[in-house]
Amino acid sequence: MIRHILLLRFKTDTTAYALAELQAAFAAMTTKVDGLSAVEWGENNSPEGKNKGYTHCIMMAFRDQLSRDEYIPHRAHDALKLILRPLVDDIIVLDYSY
């Protein structure tokens, strides 16, 4: 299985409504992308203060590397990026097998 992790730092003018819309769009991906079994969304609550301005994490669980690789050019992923990109100041993407 593949975990696809996104660490997000949003623009300062991003509204709570825009974040809720984005979260819903990510949650809907499991119904649109074969091999995507789970999407988790979380807001940083670490007391350590080492998040460097990154406030949210999204974890996506893919059945295998092929599923992840098919997701990257998928039209649903392209549509998701149209919602995400205007809101994001910076993003870190990290994938790993487990």
N, C-alpha and C. Protein backbone atom coordinates (compact mmCIF):
# COMPACT_ATOMS: atom_id res chain seq x y z
N MET A 1 0.84 -1.18 0.00
CA MET A 1 0.00 0.00 0.00
C MET A 1 0.89 1.25 0.00
N ILE A 2 0.32 2.31 -0.49
CA ILE A 2 1.03 3.59 -0.59
C ILE A 2 0.29 4.64 0.22
N ARG A 3 1.00 5.35 1.03
CA ARG A 3 0.46 6.55 1.70
C ARG A 3 0.95 7.76 0.93
N HIS A 4 0.03 8.65 0.63
CA HIS A 4 0.31 9.90 -0.09
C HIS A 4 -0.01 11.02 0.91
N ILE A 5 1.01 11.72 1.37
CA ILE A 5 0.88 12.71 2.43
C ILE A 5 1.06 14.11 1.85
N LEU A 6 0.16 15.01 2.18
CA LEU A 6 0.26 16.41 1.79
C LEU A 6 0.33 17.25 3.07
N LEU A 7 1.32 18.11 3.15
CA LEU A 7 1.40 19.11 4.22
C LEU A 7 1.11 20.45 3.56
N LEU A 8 0.15 21.18 4.11
CA LEU A 8 -0.34 22.38 3.45
C LEU A 8 -0.18 23.63 4.30
N ARG A 9 0.29 24.67 3.64
CA ARG A 9 0.33 26.00 4.25
C ARG A 9 -0.57 26.87 3.36
N PHE A 10 -1.66 27.34 3.94
CA PHE A 10 -2.64 28.09 3.17
C PHE A 10 -2.34 29.59 3.17
N LYS A 11 -2.81 30.25 2.14
CA LYS A 11 -2.69 31.70 2.07
C LYS A 11 -3.46 32.31 3.23
N THR A 12 -3.03 33.46 3.68
CA THR A 12 -3.64 34.08 4.86
C THR A 12 -5.10 34.48 4.65
N ASP A 13 -5.51 34.68 3.41
CA ASP A 13 -6.90 35.08 3.15
C ASP A 13 -7.83 33.90 2.88
N THR A 14 -7.36 32.67 3.10
CA THR A 14 -8.20 31.49 2.89
C THR A 14 -9.28 31.44 3.97
N THR A 15 -10.51 31.32 3.53
CA THR A 15 -11.64 31.34 4.46
C THR A 15 -11.95 29.94 4.99
N ALA A 16 -12.66 29.91 6.09
CA ALA A 16 -13.12 28.63 6.65
C ALA A 16 -14.03 27.91 5.66
N TYR A 17 -14.84 28.67 4.94
CA TYR A 17 -15.73 28.08 3.93
C TYR A 17 -14.91 27.40 2.82
N ALA A 18 -13.86 28.06 2.35
CA ALA A 18 -13.01 27.48 1.31
C ALA A 18 -12.33 26.20 1.80
N LEU A 19 -11.89 26.20 3.06
CA LEU A 19 -11.28 25.00 3.62
C LEU A 19 -12.30 23.86 3.72
N ALA A 20 -13.52 24.17 4.10
CA ALA A 20 -14.56 23.15 4.19
C ALA A 20 -14.88 22.57 2.81
N GLU A 21 -14.93 23.41 1.81
CA GLU A 21 -15.15 22.94 0.44
C GLU A 21 -14.01 22.03 -0.02
N LEU A 22 -12.80 22.43 0.28
CA LEU A 22 -11.64 21.63 -0.09
C LEU A 22 -11.65 20.29 0.63
N GLN A 23 -11.95 20.30 1.90
CA GLN A 23 -12.01 19.05 2.66
C GLN A 23 -13.06 18.11 2.07
N ALA A 24 -14.22 18.63 1.71
CA ALA A 24 -15.27 17.82 1.10
C ALA A 24 -14.81 17.25 -0.25
N ALA A 25 -14.09 18.05 -1.02
CA ALA A 25 -13.60 17.59 -2.31
C ALA A 25 -12.60 16.45 -2.13
N PHE A 26 -11.72 16.56 -1.14
CA PHE A 26 -10.79 15.48 -0.86
C PHE A 26 -11.53 14.23 -0.41
N ALA A 27 -12.50 14.38 0.46
CA ALA A 27 -13.26 13.23 0.97
C ALA A 27 -13.98 12.49 -0.16
N ALA A 28 -14.44 13.22 -1.15
CA ALA A 28 -15.17 12.61 -2.27
C ALA A 28 -14.27 11.82 -3.21
N MET A 29 -12.97 11.98 -3.09
CA MET A 29 -12.06 11.32 -4.02
C MET A 29 -12.13 9.80 -3.95
N THR A 30 -12.48 9.24 -2.79
CA THR A 30 -12.54 7.78 -2.68
C THR A 30 -13.63 7.19 -3.57
N THR A 31 -14.61 7.99 -3.95
CA THR A 31 -15.67 7.51 -4.84
C THR A 31 -15.33 7.75 -6.30
N LYS A 32 -14.26 8.46 -6.56
CA LYS A 32 -13.91 8.84 -7.93
C LYS A 32 -12.66 8.15 -8.46
N VAL A 33 -11.81 7.66 -7.56
CA VAL A 33 -10.52 7.11 -7.96
C VAL A 33 -10.40 5.66 -7.48
N ASP A 34 -10.30 4.75 -8.42
CA ASP A 34 -10.15 3.34 -8.09
C ASP A 34 -8.81 3.13 -7.38
N GLY A 35 -8.86 2.37 -6.31
CA GLY A 35 -7.65 2.07 -5.57
C GLY A 35 -7.34 3.04 -4.45
N LEU A 36 -8.11 4.12 -4.34
CA LEU A 36 -7.96 5.06 -3.23
C LEU A 36 -8.94 4.64 -2.15
N SER A 37 -8.42 4.12 -1.05
CA SER A 37 -9.29 3.53 -0.04
C SER A 37 -9.64 4.47 1.11
N ALA A 38 -8.82 5.50 1.34
CA ALA A 38 -9.09 6.38 2.47
C ALA A 38 -8.45 7.74 2.25
N VAL A 39 -9.13 8.75 2.78
CA VAL A 39 -8.59 10.11 2.82
C VAL A 39 -8.83 10.64 4.23
N GLU A 40 -7.77 11.10 4.86
CA GLU A 40 -7.88 11.72 6.19
C GLU A 40 -7.42 13.16 6.09
N TRP A 41 -8.10 14.03 6.81
CA TRP A 41 -7.81 15.47 6.83
C TRP A 41 -7.61 15.86 8.27
N GLY A 42 -6.54 16.56 8.57
CA GLY A 42 -6.33 17.00 9.94
C GLY A 42 -5.65 18.35 10.01
N GLU A 43 -5.98 19.08 11.07
CA GLU A 43 -5.37 20.37 11.31
C GLU A 43 -4.33 20.21 12.41
N ASN A 44 -3.19 20.84 12.23
CA ASN A 44 -2.10 20.74 13.20
C ASN A 44 -2.55 21.16 14.59
N ASN A 45 -2.24 20.33 15.57
CA ASN A 45 -2.49 20.70 16.96
C ASN A 45 -1.29 20.39 17.86
N SER A 46 -0.12 20.28 17.22
CA SER A 46 1.09 19.99 17.97
C SER A 46 1.49 21.19 18.83
N PRO A 47 1.82 20.96 20.09
CA PRO A 47 2.28 22.06 20.95
C PRO A 47 3.75 22.40 20.74
N GLU A 48 4.46 21.66 19.88
CA GLU A 48 5.90 21.86 19.73
C GLU A 48 6.28 23.10 18.92
N GLY A 49 5.37 23.60 18.09
CA GLY A 49 5.66 24.79 17.30
C GLY A 49 6.69 24.59 16.21
N LYS A 50 6.77 23.40 15.66
CA LYS A 50 7.77 23.10 14.63
C LYS A 50 7.13 22.89 13.25
N ASN A 51 5.91 23.34 13.07
CA ASN A 51 5.19 23.10 11.82
C ASN A 51 5.54 24.07 10.70
N LYS A 52 6.33 25.09 10.98
CA LYS A 52 6.83 26.04 9.98
C LYS A 52 5.70 26.64 9.13
N GLY A 53 4.57 26.87 9.76
CA GLY A 53 3.44 27.49 9.07
C GLY A 53 2.52 26.54 8.35
N TYR A 54 2.89 25.27 8.29
CA TYR A 54 2.01 24.26 7.68
C TYR A 54 0.93 23.93 8.70
N THR A 55 -0.31 24.10 8.29
CA THR A 55 -1.41 23.98 9.24
C THR A 55 -2.26 22.73 9.07
N HIS A 56 -2.20 22.10 7.90
CA HIS A 56 -3.07 20.96 7.63
C HIS A 56 -2.28 19.82 6.99
N CYS A 57 -2.76 18.61 7.25
CA CYS A 57 -2.19 17.41 6.66
C CYS A 57 -3.32 16.60 6.04
N ILE A 58 -3.06 16.10 4.86
CA ILE A 58 -4.00 15.19 4.21
C ILE A 58 -3.26 13.90 3.95
N MET A 59 -3.86 12.79 4.34
CA MET A 59 -3.28 11.48 4.10
C MET A 59 -4.24 10.71 3.19
N MET A 60 -3.68 10.19 2.10
CA MET A 60 -4.46 9.37 1.18
C MET A 60 -3.83 7.98 1.14
N ALA A 61 -4.66 6.95 1.23
CA ALA A 61 -4.17 5.57 1.22
C ALA A 61 -4.55 4.91 -0.11
N PHE A 62 -3.53 4.50 -0.85
CA PHE A 62 -3.74 3.83 -2.13
C PHE A 62 -3.43 2.35 -1.99
N ARG A 63 -4.18 1.54 -2.73
CA ARG A 63 -4.03 0.09 -2.69
C ARG A 63 -2.60 -0.33 -3.04
N ASP A 64 -2.01 0.34 -4.03
CA ASP A 64 -0.68 -0.03 -4.50
C ASP A 64 -0.08 1.12 -5.30
N GLN A 65 1.15 0.94 -5.74
CA GLN A 65 1.83 1.99 -6.48
C GLN A 65 1.11 2.31 -7.79
N LEU A 66 0.58 1.29 -8.46
CA LEU A 66 -0.14 1.52 -9.71
C LEU A 66 -1.34 2.43 -9.49
N SER A 67 -2.09 2.21 -8.42
CA SER A 67 -3.25 3.05 -8.11
C SER A 67 -2.83 4.50 -7.89
N ARG A 68 -1.75 4.70 -7.14
CA ARG A 68 -1.23 6.06 -6.92
C ARG A 68 -0.78 6.68 -8.23
N ASP A 69 -0.09 5.90 -9.05
CA ASP A 69 0.42 6.41 -10.32
C ASP A 69 -0.72 6.77 -11.28
N GLU A 70 -1.81 6.03 -11.22
CA GLU A 70 -2.97 6.35 -12.06
C GLU A 70 -3.73 7.56 -11.54
N TYR A 71 -3.64 7.82 -10.25
CA TYR A 71 -4.29 8.98 -9.64
C TYR A 71 -3.66 10.29 -10.11
N ILE A 72 -2.35 10.30 -10.25
CA ILE A 72 -1.64 11.55 -10.55
C ILE A 72 -2.18 12.24 -11.81
N PRO A 73 -2.39 11.53 -12.94
CA PRO A 73 -2.96 12.20 -14.12
C PRO A 73 -4.49 12.10 -14.22
N HIS A 74 -5.14 11.57 -13.20
CA HIS A 74 -6.59 11.33 -13.22
C HIS A 74 -7.35 12.66 -13.32
N ARG A 75 -8.45 12.66 -14.06
CA ARG A 75 -9.23 13.90 -14.23
C ARG A 75 -9.81 14.40 -12.91
N ALA A 76 -10.12 13.50 -11.98
CA ALA A 76 -10.62 13.93 -10.67
C ALA A 76 -9.52 14.64 -9.88
N HIS A 77 -8.28 14.19 -10.04
CA HIS A 77 -7.15 14.85 -9.40
C HIS A 77 -6.94 16.24 -10.02
N ASP A 78 -7.06 16.33 -11.33
CA ASP A 78 -6.94 17.63 -12.00
C ASP A 78 -8.01 18.60 -11.50
N ALA A 79 -9.24 18.11 -11.32
CA ALA A 79 -10.32 18.96 -10.82
C ALA A 79 -10.05 19.39 -9.37
N LEU A 80 -9.50 18.50 -8.58
CA LEU A 80 -9.17 18.82 -7.20
C LEU A 80 -8.09 19.90 -7.13
N LYS A 81 -7.11 19.82 -8.01
CA LYS A 81 -6.04 20.82 -8.04
C LYS A 81 -6.58 22.22 -8.36
N LEU A 82 -7.65 22.28 -9.16
CA LEU A 82 -8.25 23.59 -9.47
C LEU A 82 -8.83 24.26 -8.23
N ILE A 83 -9.29 23.46 -7.28
CA ILE A 83 -9.81 23.98 -6.01
C ILE A 83 -8.65 24.31 -5.07
N LEU A 84 -7.66 23.43 -5.03
CA LEU A 84 -6.56 23.52 -4.08
C LEU A 84 -5.58 24.66 -4.37
N ARG A 85 -5.12 24.75 -5.59
CA ARG A 85 -4.01 25.67 -5.92
C ARG A 85 -4.25 27.13 -5.55
N PRO A 86 -5.44 27.68 -5.76
CA PRO A 86 -5.63 29.09 -5.41
C PRO A 86 -5.54 29.36 -3.90
N LEU A 87 -5.68 28.33 -3.09
CA LEU A 87 -5.71 28.49 -1.64
C LEU A 87 -4.35 28.30 -0.98
N VAL A 88 -3.44 27.62 -1.66
CA VAL A 88 -2.21 27.14 -1.04
C VAL A 88 -1.04 28.11 -1.26
N ASP A 89 -0.38 28.41 -0.16
CA ASP A 89 0.86 29.19 -0.20
C ASP A 89 2.04 28.26 -0.48
N ASP A 90 2.01 27.05 0.11
CA ASP A 90 3.07 26.06 -0.12
C ASP A 90 2.53 24.68 0.22
N ILE A 91 3.16 23.68 -0.40
CA ILE A 91 2.75 22.29 -0.18
C ILE A 91 3.98 21.40 -0.18
N ILE A 92 3.95 20.39 0.67
CA ILE A 92 4.96 19.33 0.67
C ILE A 92 4.21 18.04 0.38
N VAL A 93 4.72 17.25 -0.54
CA VAL A 93 4.12 15.96 -0.88
C VAL A 93 5.15 14.89 -0.59
N LEU A 94 4.73 13.87 0.15
CA LEU A 94 5.61 12.77 0.50
C LEU A 94 4.83 11.47 0.40
N ASP A 95 5.36 10.52 -0.31
CA ASP A 95 4.72 9.21 -0.44
C ASP A 95 5.64 8.14 0.15
N TYR A 96 5.02 7.10 0.70
CA TYR A 96 5.81 5.97 1.17
C TYR A 96 4.98 4.70 1.08
N SER A 97 5.68 3.57 0.97
CA SER A 97 5.03 2.26 0.95
C SER A 97 4.93 1.74 2.37
N TYR A 98 3.88 0.97 2.64
CA TYR A 98 3.74 0.34 3.94
C TYR A 98 3.06 -1.01 3.80
